[in-house]
């Protein structure tokens, strides 16, 4: 039976558990799960591995794809990610033709540029609403907590694109307002 929006909460909770695992290991709390869109079988799951492996490209999405291993096609999959994908991960999603991405936390992303990028390439991007999704609310809380506890590690991992750079520049020059 194909995955339905009702399944999103269950798989986002599973991605959140991966993020929490990464957090408890001292790493960045970003988790992901790749699911077969027809059967609901979990093909791969993982979390950010910057701290654990010293690998700056093993974001949660990349870790889940690595765990899934070789596949002839990913065109019938759904990727659940606790944080809005960065451009590296969004590019990989587009490259592999993953048709649907479900996001738990957009609040801690620098901007919606990657969502626009994916949608422009035909990807169905679903952003779970924290008011209706307890898993999404937990994703936001965990990432916010981590950003407050380890801002330097967050910046090293996420980078944050233009918005984060502007934020950093503004913090160096307090007279400049952040718009």
Protein backbone atom coordinates (compact mmCIF):
# COMPACT_ATOMS: atom_id res chain seq x y z
CA UNK A 1 0.00 0.00 0.00
CA UNK A 2 1.49 3.39 -1.00
CA UNK A 3 2.59 5.84 1.66
CA UNK A 4 -0.04 8.39 2.59
CA UNK A 5 0.27 11.70 4.45
CA UNK A 6 -0.98 9.84 7.52
CA UNK A 7 2.31 7.90 7.50
CA UNK A 8 4.36 11.10 7.65
CA UNK A 9 4.18 11.41 11.43
CA UNK A 10 5.40 7.85 11.96
CA UNK A 11 8.40 8.22 9.65
CA UNK A 12 9.25 11.71 10.93
CA UNK A 13 9.29 10.30 14.45
CA UNK A 14 11.76 7.68 13.24
CA UNK A 15 13.94 10.40 11.66
CA UNK A 16 13.73 12.35 14.92
CA UNK A 17 15.00 9.31 16.83
CA UNK A 18 18.01 9.26 14.50
CA UNK A 19 18.57 12.97 15.15
CA UNK A 20 18.34 12.39 18.89
CA UNK A 21 20.85 9.55 18.61
CA UNK A 22 23.30 11.90 16.88
CA UNK A 23 22.70 14.52 19.57
CA UNK A 24 23.31 12.01 22.37
CA UNK A 25 26.63 11.10 20.70
CA UNK A 26 27.68 14.76 20.86
CA UNK A 27 26.90 15.45 17.21
CA UNK A 28 24.53 17.60 15.22
CA UNK A 29 20.91 16.50 15.67
CA UNK A 30 19.83 15.94 12.09
CA UNK A 31 18.28 12.61 11.14
CA UNK A 32 16.73 11.16 8.01
CA UNK A 33 14.90 8.07 6.80
CA UNK A 34 14.54 6.88 3.19
CA UNK A 35 11.34 4.91 2.66
CA UNK A 36 9.93 2.92 -0.26
CA UNK A 37 6.94 5.01 -1.33
CA UNK A 38 4.93 1.97 -2.35
CA UNK A 39 5.49 -0.46 0.51
CA UNK A 40 6.54 1.80 3.38
CA UNK A 41 9.67 -0.31 3.92
CA UNK A 42 12.56 1.60 5.47
CA UNK A 43 15.44 1.45 2.99
CA UNK A 44 17.98 3.40 4.99
CA UNK A 45 18.23 5.72 7.97
CA UNK A 46 20.94 7.72 9.59
CA UNK A 47 22.05 10.92 11.24
CA UNK A 48 24.64 13.62 10.84
CA UNK A 49 28.16 12.25 11.34
CA UNK A 50 30.37 15.36 11.40
CA UNK A 51 31.49 14.78 14.98
CA UNK A 52 31.36 10.98 15.02
CA UNK A 53 33.34 10.41 11.79
CA UNK A 54 34.86 13.82 11.22
CA UNK A 55 33.01 13.81 7.91
CA UNK A 56 31.50 17.16 6.85
CA UNK A 57 29.40 15.69 4.03
CA UNK A 58 27.61 12.99 6.01
CA UNK A 59 24.54 15.01 6.84
CA UNK A 60 21.45 13.13 8.00
CA UNK A 61 20.12 12.77 4.45
CA UNK A 62 23.47 11.56 3.11
CA UNK A 63 23.78 9.10 5.98
CA UNK A 64 20.34 7.63 5.21
CA UNK A 65 21.21 7.33 1.51
CA UNK A 66 24.51 5.67 2.38
CA UNK A 67 22.69 3.18 4.62
CA UNK A 68 20.25 2.41 1.82
CA UNK A 69 23.17 1.51 -0.40
CA UNK A 70 23.04 0.89 -4.11
CA UNK A 71 19.66 1.09 -5.76
CA UNK A 72 18.70 0.92 -9.40
CA UNK A 73 16.30 3.80 -8.88
CA UNK A 74 15.14 6.06 -6.07
CA UNK A 75 12.21 7.40 -8.10
CA UNK A 76 9.60 5.73 -5.88
CA UNK A 77 11.05 6.76 -2.52
CA UNK A 78 10.23 9.32 0.14
CA UNK A 79 12.91 11.04 2.19
CA UNK A 80 12.04 12.18 5.71
CA UNK A 81 14.46 14.68 7.18
CA UNK A 82 14.34 16.43 10.53
CA UNK A 83 15.82 19.66 9.14
CA UNK A 84 15.31 21.41 5.83
CA UNK A 85 18.01 20.08 3.49
CA UNK A 86 21.07 22.18 2.76
CA UNK A 87 22.06 22.73 -0.88
CA UNK A 88 24.40 19.73 -0.87
CA UNK A 89 21.60 17.42 0.24
CA UNK A 90 19.00 19.14 -1.95
CA UNK A 91 21.29 18.64 -4.95
CA UNK A 92 21.61 14.96 -4.12
CA UNK A 93 17.83 14.64 -3.78
CA UNK A 94 17.40 16.25 -7.20
CA UNK A 95 20.23 14.18 -8.74
CA UNK A 96 18.69 10.88 -7.61
CA UNK A 97 15.15 11.92 -8.54
CA UNK A 98 13.66 11.42 -5.09
CA UNK A 99 10.10 12.61 -5.76
CA UNK A 100 8.91 13.49 -2.25
CA UNK A 101 10.69 15.04 0.74
CA UNK A 102 9.04 15.55 4.12
CA UNK A 103 10.67 18.10 6.44
CA UNK A 104 10.23 18.34 10.19
CA UNK A 105 12.02 21.65 10.85
CA UNK A 106 12.22 24.66 8.57
CA UNK A 107 12.40 27.14 11.45
CA UNK A 108 16.12 26.53 12.03
CA UNK A 109 17.09 26.82 8.35
CA UNK A 110 18.59 30.05 7.06
CA UNK A 111 16.00 30.57 4.31
CA UNK A 112 13.63 28.70 2.04
CA UNK A 113 16.08 28.65 -0.91
CA UNK A 114 16.49 24.88 -0.91
CA UNK A 115 12.74 24.30 -0.72
CA UNK A 116 12.34 26.55 -3.77
CA UNK A 117 15.20 24.71 -5.51
CA UNK A 118 13.59 21.31 -4.94
CA UNK A 119 10.10 22.44 -5.93
CA UNK A 120 11.48 24.00 -9.12
CA UNK A 121 12.74 20.52 -10.01
CA UNK A 122 9.37 18.87 -9.44
CA UNK A 123 10.00 17.51 -5.96
CA UNK A 124 6.92 17.39 -3.73
CA UNK A 125 8.20 19.13 -0.60
CA UNK A 126 6.03 18.72 2.49
CA UNK A 127 6.80 20.87 5.52
CA UNK A 128 5.09 19.41 8.56
CA UNK A 129 3.36 21.97 10.76
CA UNK A 130 4.59 21.77 14.35
CA UNK A 131 1.11 22.66 15.64
CA UNK A 132 -0.26 19.48 14.06
CA UNK A 133 2.83 17.26 14.16
CA UNK A 134 4.38 16.38 17.52
CA UNK A 135 7.38 14.91 15.70
CA UNK A 136 7.98 18.17 13.81
CA UNK A 137 7.66 20.15 17.05
CA UNK A 138 10.28 17.87 18.62
CA UNK A 139 12.60 18.34 15.61
CA UNK A 140 12.42 22.11 16.02
CA UNK A 141 13.01 21.94 19.79
CA UNK A 142 16.02 19.64 19.46
CA UNK A 143 17.71 21.69 16.73
CA UNK A 144 17.03 24.95 18.62
CA UNK A 145 18.48 23.46 21.79
CA UNK A 146 21.59 22.31 19.93
CA UNK A 147 22.05 25.70 18.21
CA UNK A 148 21.97 27.38 21.63
CA UNK A 149 24.29 24.83 23.25
CA UNK A 150 26.86 24.55 20.44
CA UNK A 151 26.53 27.47 18.01
CA UNK A 152 30.04 27.00 16.63
CA UNK A 153 29.43 23.35 15.81
CA UNK A 154 26.08 24.23 14.24
CA UNK A 155 27.78 26.82 12.04
CA UNK A 156 30.58 24.43 11.11
CA UNK A 157 28.12 21.76 10.05
CA UNK A 158 25.20 23.64 8.57
CA UNK A 159 27.02 26.68 7.24
CA UNK A 160 23.61 28.16 6.74
CA UNK A 161 24.21 29.77 3.35
CA UNK A 162 23.73 33.48 2.75
CA UNK A 163 21.37 34.07 5.68
CA UNK A 164 23.84 32.68 8.22
CA UNK A 165 26.69 34.68 6.70
CA UNK A 166 24.61 37.84 6.96
CA UNK A 167 23.75 36.96 10.56
CA UNK A 168 27.44 36.44 11.38
CA UNK A 169 28.42 39.70 9.71
CA UNK A 170 25.67 41.51 11.63
CA UNK A 171 26.87 40.04 14.94
CA UNK A 172 30.33 41.50 14.24
CA UNK A 173 28.79 44.90 13.55
CA UNK A 174 26.05 45.44 16.14
CA UNK A 175 25.12 48.79 14.57
CA UNK A 176 23.78 46.99 11.49
CA UNK A 177 20.22 45.71 11.94
CA UNK A 178 19.31 42.18 10.82
CA UNK A 179 16.41 42.44 8.38
